[in-house]
Protein backbone atom coordinates (compact mmCIF):
# COMPACT_ATOMS: atom_id res chain seq x y z
CA MET A 1 125.95 -31.09 155.78
CA GLU A 2 124.86 -31.04 152.20
CA ILE A 3 125.89 -29.35 148.97
CA SER A 4 123.95 -28.96 145.75
CA LEU A 5 125.55 -30.33 142.59
CA SER A 6 123.47 -27.94 140.47
CA PRO A 7 124.64 -24.49 139.35
CA THR A 8 121.20 -23.18 140.38
CA PRO A 9 120.78 -22.94 144.19
CA GLY A 10 118.00 -25.16 145.53
CA MET A 11 117.77 -27.19 142.35
CA GLY A 12 119.29 -30.56 141.53
CA LYS A 13 120.71 -33.31 143.64
CA GLN A 14 121.83 -32.63 147.20
CA VAL A 15 124.84 -34.66 148.30
CA THR A 16 125.72 -35.26 151.95
CA VAL A 17 129.35 -34.27 152.45
CA ASP A 18 129.65 -34.54 156.20
CA THR A 19 127.79 -35.75 159.24
CA LEU A 20 128.49 -33.79 162.39
CA SER A 21 128.46 -35.06 165.92
CA ARG A 22 128.49 -33.41 169.33
CA GLY A 23 130.95 -30.53 169.63
CA GLN A 24 131.62 -30.08 165.92
CA ILE A 25 131.18 -26.71 164.23
CA CYS A 26 128.81 -25.65 161.50
CA GLY A 27 128.33 -22.26 159.84
CA TRP A 28 131.73 -20.61 159.74
CA SER A 29 130.88 -17.90 157.19
CA ALA A 30 130.98 -15.14 159.81
CA VAL A 31 134.59 -15.98 160.64
CA GLY A 32 135.53 -15.00 157.10
CA GLY A 33 133.57 -11.77 157.37
CA THR A 34 131.06 -12.72 154.68
CA PRO A 35 127.51 -14.12 154.77
CA VAL A 36 128.09 -16.40 151.75
CA TYR A 37 126.86 -19.89 152.54
CA ILE A 38 128.50 -22.86 150.84
CA LEU A 39 126.78 -25.80 152.53
CA THR A 40 123.34 -26.52 153.93
CA ALA A 41 122.94 -28.14 157.33
CA ARG A 42 119.91 -30.14 158.38
CA ALA A 43 119.28 -31.73 161.78
CA LEU A 44 118.04 -35.32 161.70
CA GLU A 45 117.34 -35.33 165.43
CA PRO A 46 116.86 -32.66 168.11
CA VAL A 47 120.00 -30.55 168.61
CA ARG A 48 121.21 -27.66 170.75
CA VAL A 49 123.19 -24.93 169.04
CA ILE A 50 125.14 -21.86 170.07
CA ILE A 51 124.44 -18.80 167.94
CA ILE A 52 127.14 -16.15 167.75
CA ASP A 53 126.66 -12.65 166.35
CA GLY A 54 128.86 -12.83 163.24
CA ARG A 55 129.80 -9.16 163.05
CA ARG A 56 130.80 -8.97 166.70
CA PHE A 57 132.74 -12.23 166.46
CA TYR A 58 134.56 -11.07 163.32
CA THR A 59 135.48 -7.78 165.05
CA LEU A 60 136.74 -9.69 168.10
CA LEU A 61 138.99 -11.83 165.89
CA LYS A 62 140.35 -8.74 164.10
CA ASP A 63 141.03 -6.94 167.38
CA ASP A 64 142.77 -9.90 169.05
CA PRO A 65 145.38 -11.31 166.63
CA TYR A 66 146.28 -14.26 168.87
CA LEU A 67 142.65 -15.35 169.22
CA GLY A 68 142.08 -14.67 165.51
CA TYR A 69 145.06 -16.86 164.59
CA ARG A 70 143.90 -19.74 166.79
CA VAL A 71 140.34 -19.64 165.46
CA MET A 72 141.49 -19.36 161.84
CA ALA A 73 143.97 -22.23 162.25
CA ARG A 74 141.17 -24.44 163.57
CA MET A 75 138.85 -23.26 160.80
CA ALA A 76 141.49 -24.14 158.18
CA ASP A 77 141.52 -27.71 159.53
CA VAL A 78 137.71 -27.91 159.33
CA VAL A 79 137.57 -26.46 155.81
CA HIS A 80 140.31 -28.84 154.63
CA SER A 81 138.46 -31.84 156.03
CA ARG A 82 135.13 -30.81 154.51
CA LEU A 83 136.65 -30.11 151.09
CA ARG A 84 138.28 -33.54 151.12
CA ARG A 85 134.91 -35.16 151.87
CA ILE A 86 133.18 -33.11 149.16
CA ARG A 87 135.79 -34.23 146.64
CA MET A 88 135.27 -37.89 147.60
CA ASN A 89 131.47 -37.60 147.37
CA VAL A 90 131.53 -35.83 144.01
CA ARG A 91 133.72 -38.62 142.61
CA LEU A 92 131.21 -41.21 143.85
CA PHE A 93 128.32 -39.23 142.33
CA GLN A 94 130.03 -39.02 138.92
CA ARG A 95 130.32 -42.81 138.61
């Protein structure tokens, strides 16, 4: 997964902040109910993905508080991990 270090989307240096392996998640924007994308993902080899309708998934999480809590707790772990890696990579880039 990559993030741009430029204030203008698509311009400037892209920095790799995470490398995903089998079973890891990518593209959690629909869980938050918004289509705002923070990172860019790019496959370096053939992959298989599962695509979930974001609106339906968001509605399912709202309608089932237990499921919503479990998914959001897992998402918080993923977001925390990715932010930590972004912070480390930005420090390396600034040197």
